[in-house]
Amino acid sequence: MTASLSSSNAPRVAHATVVEEACQSLRTYSHHVGTCRIGTDEMALVDTSLHVHGIDGLRVADASVMPSIVSANTIATVYGIAERAAALIRAKSRASNAR
């Protein structure tokens, strides 16, 4: 199947070529949220202190811990998550140094 532009002088382009070019050049614009669900149940990957269950010393501090995309600016929410992670890490460090 071929597709043509509205101009009669325009070159004819095969439909498959158009589809292939679109697949190679188009990208989704999305924010990956909810892939490392935060929670206290068995299905949650991350606890409320942002620790990954079962892996000592690993935290997740990005949009993936959000259960769904926010209606506000995503980066502002990620900054908030990062600030919370920094506070949690500082508190743990202070507690370790106090011993």
N, C-alpha and C. Protein backbone atom coordinates (compact mmCIF):
# COMPACT_ATOMS: atom_id res chain seq x y z
N MET A 1 0.85 -1.18 0.00
CA MET A 1 0.00 0.00 0.00
C MET A 1 0.88 1.23 0.00
N THR A 2 0.49 2.23 -0.73
CA THR A 2 1.27 3.47 -0.77
C THR A 2 0.42 4.62 -0.27
N ALA A 3 1.11 5.63 0.24
CA ALA A 3 0.44 6.85 0.68
C ALA A 3 1.04 7.99 -0.10
N SER A 4 0.26 8.96 -0.42
CA SER A 4 0.81 10.11 -1.12
C SER A 4 0.43 11.38 -0.40
N LEU A 5 1.23 12.40 -0.60
CA LEU A 5 0.93 13.70 -0.04
C LEU A 5 -0.12 14.36 -0.92
N SER A 6 -0.68 15.45 -0.47
CA SER A 6 -1.78 16.07 -1.20
C SER A 6 -1.33 16.67 -2.53
N SER A 7 -0.09 17.08 -2.64
CA SER A 7 0.41 17.65 -3.87
C SER A 7 0.61 16.55 -4.91
N SER A 8 0.21 16.83 -6.11
CA SER A 8 0.38 15.82 -7.16
C SER A 8 1.84 15.63 -7.53
N ASN A 9 2.70 16.60 -7.22
CA ASN A 9 4.13 16.49 -7.50
C ASN A 9 4.90 15.83 -6.36
N ALA A 10 4.24 15.57 -5.27
CA ALA A 10 4.92 14.99 -4.10
C ALA A 10 5.25 13.53 -4.37
N PRO A 11 6.38 13.07 -3.83
CA PRO A 11 6.74 11.67 -4.05
C PRO A 11 5.81 10.73 -3.30
N ARG A 12 5.62 9.57 -3.84
CA ARG A 12 4.80 8.56 -3.18
C ARG A 12 5.70 7.80 -2.21
N VAL A 13 5.20 7.52 -1.03
CA VAL A 13 5.97 6.83 0.01
C VAL A 13 5.19 5.59 0.42
N ALA A 14 5.88 4.49 0.49
CA ALA A 14 5.23 3.24 0.89
C ALA A 14 4.76 3.33 2.33
N HIS A 15 3.61 2.78 2.60
CA HIS A 15 3.04 2.79 3.95
C HIS A 15 4.02 2.18 4.96
N ALA A 16 4.64 1.08 4.58
CA ALA A 16 5.58 0.41 5.49
C ALA A 16 6.75 1.33 5.84
N THR A 17 7.19 2.15 4.90
CA THR A 17 8.27 3.09 5.15
C THR A 17 7.85 4.14 6.16
N VAL A 18 6.64 4.64 6.02
CA VAL A 18 6.12 5.63 6.96
C VAL A 18 6.02 5.03 8.36
N VAL A 19 5.49 3.84 8.46
CA VAL A 19 5.35 3.17 9.75
C VAL A 19 6.72 2.91 10.37
N GLU A 20 7.67 2.43 9.58
CA GLU A 20 9.01 2.16 10.09
C GLU A 20 9.68 3.44 10.59
N GLU A 21 9.57 4.51 9.83
CA GLU A 21 10.16 5.79 10.23
C GLU A 21 9.50 6.31 11.52
N ALA A 22 8.20 6.17 11.62
CA ALA A 22 7.49 6.61 12.82
C ALA A 22 7.94 5.81 14.03
N CYS A 23 8.07 4.51 13.88
CA CYS A 23 8.49 3.65 14.99
C CYS A 23 9.91 3.98 15.45
N GLN A 24 10.77 4.35 14.52
CA GLN A 24 12.15 4.65 14.87
C GLN A 24 12.31 6.05 15.45
N SER A 25 11.44 6.98 15.10
CA SER A 25 11.66 8.37 15.52
C SER A 25 10.74 8.84 16.65
N LEU A 26 9.61 8.21 16.84
CA LEU A 26 8.68 8.64 17.88
C LEU A 26 9.05 8.03 19.22
N ARG A 27 8.90 8.79 20.24
CA ARG A 27 9.18 8.32 21.59
C ARG A 27 8.01 8.70 22.50
N THR A 28 7.82 7.91 23.52
CA THR A 28 6.78 8.26 24.48
C THR A 28 7.29 9.33 25.41
N TYR A 29 6.41 10.11 25.91
CA TYR A 29 6.74 11.11 26.91
C TYR A 29 6.02 10.67 28.16
N SER A 30 6.76 10.00 29.01
CA SER A 30 6.11 9.48 30.20
C SER A 30 7.05 9.57 31.39
N HIS A 31 6.46 9.53 32.53
CA HIS A 31 7.21 9.51 33.78
C HIS A 31 6.96 8.15 34.40
N HIS A 32 8.01 7.42 34.62
CA HIS A 32 7.86 6.07 35.14
C HIS A 32 7.62 6.13 36.64
N VAL A 33 6.39 5.94 37.02
CA VAL A 33 6.02 5.96 38.42
C VAL A 33 5.40 4.61 38.78
N GLY A 34 5.52 4.26 40.05
CA GLY A 34 4.87 3.06 40.54
C GLY A 34 5.58 1.76 40.24
N THR A 35 6.78 1.79 39.70
CA THR A 35 7.49 0.56 39.37
C THR A 35 8.19 -0.04 40.58
N CYS A 36 8.41 0.74 41.63
CA CYS A 36 9.00 0.25 42.88
C CYS A 36 8.07 0.67 44.01
N ARG A 37 6.92 0.08 44.03
CA ARG A 37 5.85 0.52 44.93
C ARG A 37 6.30 0.58 46.38
N ILE A 38 5.96 1.69 47.02
CA ILE A 38 6.25 1.87 48.44
C ILE A 38 5.05 1.36 49.25
N GLY A 39 5.33 0.72 50.37
CA GLY A 39 4.25 0.23 51.22
C GLY A 39 4.75 -0.70 52.30
N THR A 40 3.82 -1.22 53.06
CA THR A 40 4.15 -2.11 54.18
C THR A 40 3.69 -3.54 53.94
N ASP A 41 3.01 -3.79 52.85
CA ASP A 41 2.52 -5.14 52.57
C ASP A 41 3.57 -5.95 51.80
N GLU A 42 3.29 -7.22 51.58
CA GLU A 42 4.23 -8.12 50.93
C GLU A 42 4.48 -7.77 49.46
N MET A 43 3.57 -7.08 48.82
CA MET A 43 3.72 -6.73 47.41
C MET A 43 4.54 -5.46 47.20
N ALA A 44 4.82 -4.73 48.27
CA ALA A 44 5.60 -3.50 48.15
C ALA A 44 7.08 -3.83 48.02
N LEU A 45 7.76 -3.16 47.12
CA LEU A 45 9.18 -3.36 46.92
C LEU A 45 10.01 -2.52 47.89
N VAL A 46 9.46 -1.36 48.27
CA VAL A 46 10.18 -0.38 49.09
C VAL A 46 9.37 -0.10 50.35
N ASP A 47 10.06 -0.01 51.50
CA ASP A 47 9.34 0.32 52.73
C ASP A 47 9.22 1.84 52.89
N THR A 48 8.59 2.29 53.95
CA THR A 48 8.34 3.71 54.13
C THR A 48 9.61 4.52 54.42
N SER A 49 10.72 3.85 54.65
CA SER A 49 12.01 4.52 54.80
C SER A 49 12.81 4.45 53.50
N LEU A 50 12.14 4.04 52.43
CA LEU A 50 12.71 3.95 51.09
C LEU A 50 13.75 2.84 50.93
N HIS A 51 13.82 1.91 51.90
CA HIS A 51 14.70 0.74 51.77
C HIS A 51 14.05 -0.29 50.85
N VAL A 52 14.87 -0.91 50.01
CA VAL A 52 14.38 -2.02 49.20
C VAL A 52 14.33 -3.25 50.09
N HIS A 53 13.18 -3.90 50.15
CA HIS A 53 13.02 -5.10 50.98
C HIS A 53 14.02 -6.17 50.56
N GLY A 54 14.76 -6.70 51.53
CA GLY A 54 15.66 -7.80 51.28
C GLY A 54 17.05 -7.44 50.80
N ILE A 55 17.33 -6.15 50.60
CA ILE A 55 18.66 -5.74 50.15
C ILE A 55 19.17 -4.65 51.09
N ASP A 56 20.10 -5.01 51.94
CA ASP A 56 20.63 -4.05 52.91
C ASP A 56 21.38 -2.92 52.22
N GLY A 57 21.14 -1.71 52.69
CA GLY A 57 21.87 -0.55 52.21
C GLY A 57 21.37 0.05 50.91
N LEU A 58 20.31 -0.47 50.32
CA LEU A 58 19.81 0.06 49.06
C LEU A 58 18.47 0.76 49.29
N ARG A 59 18.40 2.00 48.84
CA ARG A 59 17.16 2.77 48.90
C ARG A 59 16.79 3.20 47.50
N VAL A 60 15.52 3.46 47.29
CA VAL A 60 15.04 4.01 46.03
C VAL A 60 14.45 5.38 46.35
N ALA A 61 14.96 6.38 45.66
CA ALA A 61 14.51 7.76 45.93
C ALA A 61 14.24 8.47 44.61
N ASP A 62 13.25 7.99 43.88
CA ASP A 62 12.87 8.64 42.63
C ASP A 62 11.37 8.45 42.40
N ALA A 63 10.91 8.80 41.22
CA ALA A 63 9.47 8.75 40.92
C ALA A 63 8.91 7.34 40.95
N SER A 64 9.75 6.33 40.87
CA SER A 64 9.24 4.97 40.84
C SER A 64 8.54 4.55 42.14
N VAL A 65 8.80 5.24 43.24
CA VAL A 65 8.13 4.89 44.50
C VAL A 65 6.73 5.50 44.59
N MET A 66 6.42 6.47 43.74
CA MET A 66 5.10 7.09 43.76
C MET A 66 4.07 6.10 43.23
N PRO A 67 2.92 6.00 43.88
CA PRO A 67 1.92 5.03 43.43
C PRO A 67 1.29 5.39 42.09
N SER A 68 1.22 6.67 41.77
CA SER A 68 0.66 7.12 40.49
C SER A 68 1.26 8.48 40.16
N ILE A 69 1.13 8.88 38.92
CA ILE A 69 1.70 10.16 38.51
C ILE A 69 0.95 11.30 39.18
N VAL A 70 1.68 12.30 39.58
CA VAL A 70 1.07 13.45 40.25
C VAL A 70 0.57 14.44 39.19
N SER A 71 -0.39 15.26 39.56
CA SER A 71 -0.90 16.25 38.61
C SER A 71 -0.03 17.50 38.60
N ALA A 72 0.83 17.64 39.58
CA ALA A 72 1.74 18.78 39.64
C ALA A 72 3.02 18.44 38.87
N ASN A 73 4.00 19.31 38.97
CA ASN A 73 5.28 19.08 38.33
C ASN A 73 5.96 17.86 38.95
N THR A 74 6.25 16.86 38.14
CA THR A 74 6.82 15.61 38.64
C THR A 74 8.17 15.83 39.31
N ILE A 75 9.00 16.68 38.75
CA ILE A 75 10.33 16.89 39.31
C ILE A 75 10.26 17.47 40.72
N ALA A 76 9.29 18.31 40.99
CA ALA A 76 9.14 18.87 42.33
C ALA A 76 8.84 17.76 43.34
N THR A 77 8.02 16.81 42.95
CA THR A 77 7.70 15.68 43.83
C THR A 77 8.93 14.81 44.04
N VAL A 78 9.70 14.59 42.98
CA VAL A 78 10.93 13.79 43.10
C VAL A 78 11.93 14.50 44.02
N TYR A 79 12.01 15.82 43.92
CA TYR A 79 12.88 16.56 44.85
C TYR A 79 12.45 16.32 46.30
N GLY A 80 11.16 16.31 46.53
CA GLY A 80 10.65 16.04 47.87
C GLY A 80 11.03 14.64 48.35
N ILE A 81 10.91 13.67 47.48
CA ILE A 81 11.30 12.30 47.83
C ILE A 81 12.80 12.24 48.12
N ALA A 82 13.60 12.92 47.31
CA ALA A 82 15.04 12.94 47.51
C ALA A 82 15.42 13.63 48.82
N GLU A 83 14.74 14.71 49.14
CA GLU A 83 14.99 15.40 50.42
C GLU A 83 14.64 14.49 51.59
N ARG A 84 13.56 13.75 51.48
CA ARG A 84 13.18 12.80 52.53
C ARG A 84 14.23 11.71 52.67
N ALA A 85 14.71 11.19 51.55
CA ALA A 85 15.75 10.16 51.59
C ALA A 85 17.01 10.71 52.25
N ALA A 86 17.40 11.93 51.90
CA ALA A 86 18.58 12.55 52.51
C ALA A 86 18.41 12.70 54.01
N ALA A 87 17.23 13.11 54.45
CA ALA A 87 16.97 13.26 55.88
C ALA A 87 17.04 11.91 56.59
N LEU A 88 16.50 10.87 55.98
CA LEU A 88 16.56 9.53 56.57
C LEU A 88 18.00 9.04 56.68
N ILE A 89 18.79 9.29 55.66
CA ILE A 89 20.20 8.86 55.68
C ILE A 89 20.99 9.65 56.71
N ARG A 90 20.74 10.97 56.80
CA ARG A 90 21.42 11.79 57.82
C ARG A 90 21.06 11.32 59.22
N ALA A 91 19.79 11.03 59.45
CA ALA A 91 19.36 10.57 60.77
C ALA A 91 20.02 9.25 61.13
N LYS A 92 20.13 8.35 60.18
CA LYS A 92 20.79 7.07 60.45
C LYS A 92 22.26 7.28 60.74
N SER A 93 22.89 8.17 59.99
CA SER A 93 24.31 8.46 60.21
C SER A 93 24.55 9.07 61.58
N ARG A 94 23.70 9.99 61.98
CA ARG A 94 23.82 10.63 63.29
C ARG A 94 23.63 9.60 64.42
N ALA A 95 22.68 8.70 64.23
CA ALA A 95 22.43 7.67 65.25
C ALA A 95 23.63 6.73 65.35
N SER A 96 24.24 6.41 64.23
CA SER A 96 25.43 5.54 64.25
C SER A 96 26.62 6.23 64.90
N ASN A 97 26.78 7.52 64.67
CA ASN A 97 27.89 8.28 65.25
C ASN A 97 27.72 8.53 66.74
N ALA A 98 26.48 8.50 67.21
CA ALA A 98 26.20 8.75 68.64
C ALA A 98 26.54 7.54 69.50
N ARG A 99 26.70 6.39 68.89
CA ARG A 99 26.98 5.17 69.66
C ARG A 99 28.33 5.17 70.24
